[in-house]
C-alpha atoms as a PDB file:
ATOM      1  CA  MET A   1       0.043   0.278  -0.054  1.00  0.00           C
ATOM      2  CA  VAL A   2       0.983   3.479  -0.673  1.00  0.00           C
ATOM      3  CA  SER A   3      -0.814   6.738   0.577  1.00  0.00           C
ATOM      4  CA  ALA A   4      -2.720   8.166  -2.458  1.00  0.00           C
ATOM      5  CA  ASP A   5      -0.843  11.783  -1.742  1.00  0.00           C
ATOM      6  CA  ARG A   6       2.682   9.724  -2.573  1.00  0.00           C
ATOM      7  CA  ALA A   7       1.743   8.284  -5.254  1.00  0.00           C
ATOM      8  CA  GLY A   8       1.676  10.883  -7.512  1.00  0.00           C
ATOM      9  CA  ARG A   9       5.374  11.611  -6.925  1.00  0.00           C
ATOM     10  CA  GLU A  10       8.182  10.699  -9.026  1.00  0.00           C
ATOM     11  CA  GLU A  11       9.837   8.927  -6.558  1.00  0.00           C
ATOM     12  CA  SER A  12       7.132   6.921  -5.654  1.00  0.00           C
ATOM     13  CA  ARG A  13       6.210   6.381  -9.706  1.00  0.00           C
ATOM     14  CA  ALA A  14       9.331   4.586 -10.020  1.00  0.00           C
ATOM     15  CA  ARG A  15       9.273   2.723  -7.147  1.00  0.00           C
ATOM     16  CA  ILE A  16       5.637   1.479  -7.859  1.00  0.00           C
ATOM     17  CA  ALA A  17       6.558   0.417 -11.001  1.00  0.00           C
ATOM     18  CA  ARG A  18       9.698  -1.548 -10.085  1.00  0.00           C
ATOM     19  CA  ALA A  19       6.954  -3.373  -7.370  1.00  0.00           C
ATOM     20  CA  LEU A  20       4.377  -4.153 -10.574  1.00  0.00           C
ATOM     21  CA  ARG A  21       7.047  -5.566 -12.666  1.00  0.00           C
ATOM     22  CA  GLN A  22       8.463  -7.962  -9.998  1.00  0.00           C
ATOM     23  CA  GLY A  23       4.726  -8.842  -9.656  1.00  0.00           C
ATOM     24  CA  VAL A  24       3.951  -7.181  -6.326  1.00  0.00           C
ATOM     25  CA  PRO A  25       0.643  -5.552  -6.168  1.00  0.00           C
ATOM     26  CA  VAL A  26       0.229  -2.033  -5.095  1.00  0.00           C
ATOM     27  CA  GLN A  27      -2.772  -0.459  -3.910  1.00  0.00           C
ATOM     28  CA  PRO A  28      -3.006   3.464  -2.979  1.00  0.00           C
ATOM     29  CA  VAL A  29      -4.865   4.296  -0.225  1.00  0.00           C
ATOM     30  CA  ARG A  30      -6.258   7.709   1.674  1.00  0.00           C
ATOM     31  CA  ARG A  31      -3.374   8.318   4.770  1.00  0.00           C
ATOM     32  CA  SER A  32      -5.789   7.985   7.318  1.00  0.00           C
ATOM     33  CA  LEU A  33      -6.161   4.343   6.390  1.00  0.00           C
ATOM     34  CA  LEU A  34      -2.403   3.546   6.531  1.00  0.00           C
ATOM     35  CA  GLU A  35      -1.954   6.047   9.687  1.00  0.00           C
ATOM     36  CA  ARG A  36      -4.765   3.363  11.196  1.00  0.00           C
ATOM     37  CA  ILE A  37      -3.245   0.001  10.107  1.00  0.00           C
ATOM     38  CA  ALA A  38       0.308   0.654  10.347  1.00  0.00           C
ATOM     39  CA  PRO A  39       2.197  -0.693  13.250  1.00  0.00           C
ATOM     40  CA  SER A  40       4.230   2.400  13.702  1.00  0.00           C
ATOM     41  CA  ALA A  41       2.881   6.014  15.317  1.00  0.00           C
ATOM     42  CA  SER A  42       4.041   7.612  12.142  1.00  0.00           C
ATOM     43  CA  PRO A  43       4.613   5.873   8.830  1.00  0.00           C
ATOM     44  CA  GLN A  44       6.340   6.944   6.024  1.00  0.00           C
ATOM     45  CA  GLY A  45       3.392   6.774   3.421  1.00  0.00           C
ATOM     46  CA  TRP A  46       4.130   3.048   2.503  1.00  0.00           C
ATOM     47  CA  LEU A  47       3.122  -0.093   4.057  1.00  0.00           C
ATOM     48  CA  ALA A  48       3.882  -3.702   2.731  1.00  0.00           C
ATOM     49  CA  ALA A  49       2.980  -7.045   4.577  1.00  0.00           C
ATOM     50  CA  CYS A  50       5.592 -10.360   3.860  1.00  0.00           C
ATOM     51  CA  ARG A  51       6.357 -12.847   4.731  1.00  0.00           C
ATOM     52  CA  PHE A  52       9.928 -13.745   5.594  1.00  0.00           C
ATOM     53  CA  PRO A  53      10.365 -17.550   4.642  1.00  0.00           C
ATOM     54  CA  GLU A  54      10.817 -20.298   7.163  1.00  0.00           C
ATOM     55  CA  GLY A  55      13.900 -22.083   7.684  1.00  0.00           C
ATOM     56  CA  GLU A  56      15.881 -18.704   6.192  1.00  0.00           C
ATOM     57  CA  GLY A  57      16.935 -17.703   9.209  1.00  0.00           C
ATOM     58  CA  GLU A  58      19.033 -20.923  10.202  1.00  0.00           C
ATOM     59  CA  PRO A  59      22.556 -19.751  11.554  1.00  0.00           C
ATOM     60  CA  MET A  60      24.792 -22.715   9.765  1.00  0.00           C
ATOM     61  CA  ARG A  61      23.462 -21.157   6.566  1.00  0.00           C
ATOM     62  CA  LEU A  62      25.418 -18.188   7.069  1.00  0.00           C
ATOM     63  CA  ILE A  63      28.333 -19.732   9.237  1.00  0.00           C
ATOM     64  CA  ARG A  64      29.361 -22.057   6.492  1.00  0.00           C
ATOM     65  CA  PRO A  65      30.265 -20.387   3.471  1.00  0.00           C
ATOM     66  CA  ALA A  66      33.873 -20.831   2.785  1.00  0.00           C
ATOM     67  CA  GLY A  67      36.321 -17.641   2.556  1.00  0.00           C
ATOM     68  CA  GLU A  68      36.884 -14.251   3.597  1.00  0.00           C
ATOM     69  CA  ARG A  69      33.896 -13.054   5.393  1.00  0.00           C
ATOM     70  CA  LEU A  70      32.675 -10.554   7.663  1.00  0.00           C
ATOM     71  CA  LEU A  71      29.608 -11.975  10.104  1.00  0.00           C
ATOM     72  CA  LEU A  72      28.141  -9.822  12.198  1.00  0.00           C
ATOM     73  CA  LEU A  73      26.804 -11.307  15.603  1.00  0.00           C
ATOM     74  CA  CYS A  74      24.694  -9.250  18.066  1.00  0.00           C
ATOM     75  CA  TRP A  75      24.523 -10.882  21.519  1.00  0.00           C
ATOM     76  CA  GLU A  76      21.267 -10.191  23.030  1.00  0.00           C
ATOM     77  CA  VAL A  77      20.540  -6.565  21.158  1.00  0.00           C
ATOM     78  CA  GLN A  78      17.662  -5.566  22.962  1.00  0.00           C
ATOM     79  CA  ASP A  79      16.433  -2.192  21.335  1.00  0.00           C
ATOM     80  CA  PRO A  80      15.092  -3.230  17.919  1.00  0.00           C
ATOM     81  CA  GLY A  81      15.823   0.411  16.665  1.00  0.00           C
ATOM     82  CA  ASN A  82      19.121  -0.543  17.743  1.00  0.00           C
ATOM     83  CA  LEU A  83      19.462  -3.527  15.868  1.00  0.00           C
ATOM     84  CA  GLY A  84      17.811  -2.404  12.986  1.00  0.00           C
ATOM     85  CA  SER A  85      20.173   0.594  12.657  1.00  0.00           C
ATOM     86  CA  ILE A  86      23.057  -2.318  13.197  1.00  0.00           C
ATOM     87  CA  VAL A  87      21.615  -3.995  10.216  1.00  0.00           C
ATOM     88  CA  ARG A  88      21.762  -0.897   7.754  1.00  0.00           C
ATOM     89  CA  SER A  89      25.295  -0.144   8.683  1.00  0.00           C
ATOM     90  CA  ALA A  90      26.313  -3.750   8.326  1.00  0.00           C
ATOM     91  CA  ALA A  91      24.513  -3.966   4.820  1.00  0.00           C
ATOM     92  CA  ALA A  92      26.219  -0.488   3.614  1.00  0.00           C
ATOM     93  CA  PHE A  93      29.802  -1.921   5.259  1.00  0.00           C
ATOM     94  CA  GLY A  94      29.726  -5.048   2.640  1.00  0.00           C
ATOM     95  CA  ALA A  95      29.277  -7.380   5.885  1.00  0.00           C
ATOM     96  CA  ASP A  96      28.448 -10.988   4.352  1.00  0.00           C
ATOM     97  CA  GLY A  97      25.783 -11.853   6.947  1.00  0.00           C
ATOM     98  CA  LEU A  98      23.734 -11.215  10.742  1.00  0.00           C
ATOM     99  CA  VAL A  99      23.527 -13.775  13.548  1.00  0.00           C
ATOM    100  CA  ALA A 100      20.758 -11.792  15.645  1.00  0.00           C
ATOM    101  CA  ALA A 101      21.449 -13.897  19.013  1.00  0.00           C
ATOM    102  CA  GLY A 102      18.776 -13.422  21.318  1.00  0.00           C
ATOM    103  CA  GLY A 103      17.288 -10.133  21.844  1.00  0.00           C
ATOM    104  CA  ALA A 104      15.297  -8.144  19.729  1.00  0.00           C
ATOM    105  CA  ASP A 105      13.647  -9.718  16.737  1.00  0.00           C
ATOM    106  CA  PRO A 106      15.842  -8.538  13.443  1.00  0.00           C
ATOM    107  CA  PHE A 107      11.928  -8.729  11.472  1.00  0.00           C
ATOM    108  CA  GLY A 108       9.963  -7.133  14.046  1.00  0.00           C
ATOM    109  CA  PRO A 109       8.155  -3.789  12.852  1.00  0.00           C
ATOM    110  CA  ARG A 110      10.353  -1.217  14.843  1.00  0.00           C
ATOM    111  CA  ALA A 111      14.007  -2.981  13.254  1.00  0.00           C
ATOM    112  CA  VAL A 112      12.426  -3.746  10.008  1.00  0.00           C
ATOM    113  CA  ARG A 113      12.136   0.274   9.876  1.00  0.00           C
ATOM    114  CA  ALA A 114      15.035   1.460  11.261  1.00  0.00           C
ATOM    115  CA  ALA A 115      16.857  -1.234   8.931  1.00  0.00           C
ATOM    116  CA  ALA A 116      15.629   1.177   5.721  1.00  0.00           C
ATOM    117  CA  GLY A 117      15.334  -1.897   3.639  1.00  0.00           C
ATOM    118  CA  ALA A 118      18.743  -3.609   4.242  1.00  0.00           C
ATOM    119  CA  VAL A 119      16.732  -6.536   5.518  1.00  0.00           C
ATOM    120  CA  HIS A 120      15.879  -7.726   2.168  1.00  0.00           C
ATOM    121  CA  ARG A 121      19.783  -7.174   1.207  1.00  0.00           C
ATOM    122  CA  LEU A 122      21.608  -8.531   4.119  1.00  0.00           C
ATOM    123  CA  PRO A 123      21.523 -12.346   4.897  1.00  0.00           C
ATOM    124  CA  ILE A 124      20.035 -12.552   8.465  1.00  0.00           C
ATOM    125  CA  ALA A 125      19.768 -15.749  10.993  1.00  0.00           C
ATOM    126  CA  ARG A 126      18.361 -15.717  14.453  1.00  0.00           C
ATOM    127  CA  ALA A 127      19.714 -18.160  17.121  1.00  0.00           C
ATOM    128  CA  GLU A 128      19.772 -18.757  20.467  1.00  0.00           C
ATOM    129  CA  PRO A 129      22.877 -17.332  22.445  1.00  0.00           C
ATOM    130  CA  SER A 130      24.902 -19.915  23.585  1.00  0.00           C
ATOM    131  CA  ALA A 131      28.533 -21.734  23.644  1.00  0.00           C
ATOM    132  CA  GLU A 132      27.136 -23.653  20.792  1.00  0.00           C
ATOM    133  CA  LEU A 133      26.529 -21.115  18.290  1.00  0.00           C
ATOM    134  CA  ILE A 134      30.260 -19.368  19.825  1.00  0.00           C
ATOM    135  CA  GLY A 135      32.078 -22.901  19.296  1.00  0.00           C
ATOM    136  CA  ALA A 136      30.228 -23.881  15.467  1.00  0.00           C
ATOM    137  CA  ILE A 137      31.234 -20.143  14.549  1.00  0.00           C
ATOM    138  CA  LEU A 138      35.141 -20.770  15.798  1.00  0.00           C
ATOM    139  CA  GLU A 139      35.287 -24.521  14.006  1.00  0.00           C
ATOM    140  CA  SER A 140      33.893 -22.950  11.113  1.00  0.00           C
ATOM    141  CA  GLY A 141      37.289 -21.140  11.220  1.00  0.00           C
ATOM    142  CA  TYR A 142      36.470 -17.309  11.945  1.00  0.00           C
ATOM    143  CA  ARG A 143      38.382 -15.146  14.325  1.00  0.00           C
ATOM    144  CA  LEU A 144      35.871 -14.102  17.180  1.00  0.00           C
ATOM    145  CA  VAL A 145      36.592 -10.240  17.203  1.00  0.00           C
ATOM    146  CA  ALA A 146      34.251  -8.382  20.484  1.00  0.00           C
ATOM    147  CA  ALA A 147      33.927  -5.234  20.472  1.00  0.00           C
ATOM    148  CA  ALA A 148      34.128  -3.855  23.835  1.00  0.00           C
ATOM    149  CA  ALA A 149      33.573  -0.357  25.138  1.00  0.00           C
ATOM    150  CA  HIS A 150      36.791   0.082  27.382  1.00  0.00           C
ATOM    151  CA  GLY A 151      39.661  -2.124  28.195  1.00  0.00           C
ATOM    152  CA  GLY A 152      39.996  -3.699  24.172  1.00  0.00           C
ATOM    153  CA  GLU A 153      42.878  -3.117  21.500  1.00  0.00           C
ATOM    154  CA  PRO A 154      42.442  -0.312  19.839  1.00  0.00           C
ATOM    155  CA  ALA A 155      40.285  -0.839  16.933  1.00  0.00           C
ATOM    156  CA  ASP A 156      41.996  -0.877  13.354  1.00  0.00           C
ATOM    157  CA  PRO A 157      40.621  -1.939  10.119  1.00  0.00           C
ATOM    158  CA  GLU A 158      43.346  -4.910  10.464  1.00  0.00           C
ATOM    159  CA  ALA A 159      40.936  -6.752  13.342  1.00  0.00           C
ATOM    160  CA  LEU A 160      38.149  -7.019  10.606  1.00  0.00           C
ATOM    161  CA  ARG A 161      40.338  -8.544   7.839  1.00  0.00           C
ATOM    162  CA  GLY A 162      39.908 -12.204   6.777  1.00  0.00           C
ATOM    163  CA  ARG A 163      37.243 -14.520   8.071  1.00  0.00           C
ATOM    164  CA  THR A 164      35.869 -12.847  10.560  1.00  0.00           C
ATOM    165  CA  ALA A 165      32.961 -12.889  13.307  1.00  0.00           C
ATOM    166  CA  LEU A 166      32.512  -9.488  15.158  1.00  0.00           C
ATOM    167  CA  VAL A 167      30.480  -9.676  18.053  1.00  0.00           C
ATOM    168  CA  LEU A 168      28.084  -6.673  19.906  1.00  0.00           C
ATOM    169  CA  GLY A 169      26.797  -6.944  22.881  1.00  0.00           C
ATOM    170  CA  ALA A 170      23.254  -5.836  24.484  1.00  0.00           C
ATOM    171  CA  GLU A 171      23.123  -2.135  25.249  1.00  0.00           C
ATOM    172  CA  THR A 172      23.494  -2.459  28.687  1.00  0.00           C
ATOM    173  CA  ALA A 173      24.913  -5.536  29.843  1.00  0.00           C
ATOM    174  CA  GLY A 174      27.488  -5.574  27.448  1.00  0.00           C
ATOM    175  CA  LEU A 175      29.519  -9.075  26.204  1.00  0.00           C
ATOM    176  CA  PRO A 176      28.958 -11.734  28.368  1.00  0.00           C
ATOM    177  CA  PRO A 177      32.793 -13.317  29.787  1.00  0.00           C
ATOM    178  CA  GLU A 178      32.080 -16.626  28.223  1.00  0.00           C
ATOM    179  CA  VAL A 179      32.160 -14.658  24.852  1.00  0.00           C
ATOM    180  CA  LEU A 180      34.978 -12.511  25.864  1.00  0.00           C
ATOM    181  CA  ASP A 181      37.133 -15.090  27.098  1.00  0.00           C
ATOM    182  CA  ARG A 182      36.599 -16.683  23.184  1.00  0.00           C
ATOM    183  CA  ALA A 183      37.416 -13.849  21.421  1.00  0.00           C
ATOM    184  CA  ARG A 184      39.696 -10.132  20.684  1.00  0.00           C
ATOM    185  CA  ALA A 185      38.465  -7.357  22.292  1.00  0.00           C
ATOM    186  CA  VAL A 186      38.829  -4.443  20.762  1.00  0.00           C
ATOM    187  CA  THR A 187      37.680  -0.839  21.510  1.00  0.00           C
ATOM    188  CA  ILE A 188      36.806   2.084  19.395  1.00  0.00           C
ATOM    189  CA  PRO A 189      38.858   4.672  20.620  1.00  0.00           C
ATOM    190  CA  THR A 190      36.444   7.920  21.842  1.00  0.00           C
ATOM    191  CA  THR A 191      36.988  11.454  23.438  1.00  0.00           C
ATOM    192  CA  GLY A 192      33.685  11.443  25.251  1.00  0.00           C
END
């Protein structure tokens, strides 16, 4: 659905044409209807109902492929907006995939909105945060690099070269010792 007041705009016409070419039906509706059914308080003029394929999120699908890869592992990230922003940034910087281990649902409305479409470009899997997950990543040849607020080595581009899994922790708790003990901790130097 697209808000009728947006449907006539040039950028909307191009988006509508692209959707129709891909077999996606587009229905212009009154903004008041869109606002009533949208899951957010201030919809951006577009609303889509989609189903993410079952089985698509199996984490080993992202871990197994060989070669130099950058995998993000979000460990108990709680805020859906933060997780969506991480998804968007990971896609922008060329990550090969993201595993959400516990925490917020990367396919929930707030995360999808914050990701600004990146959930459709970046392979994403959900998993339980566990020692087994960390073990599977390490056994698949990844170096585990943990983002730490304090006390890690200064982060540099070399830290992410090769077959690397970058682990980001929960907003308040950070990463648990069982993850930090198996990873190289890096800290981004800040002035504040």
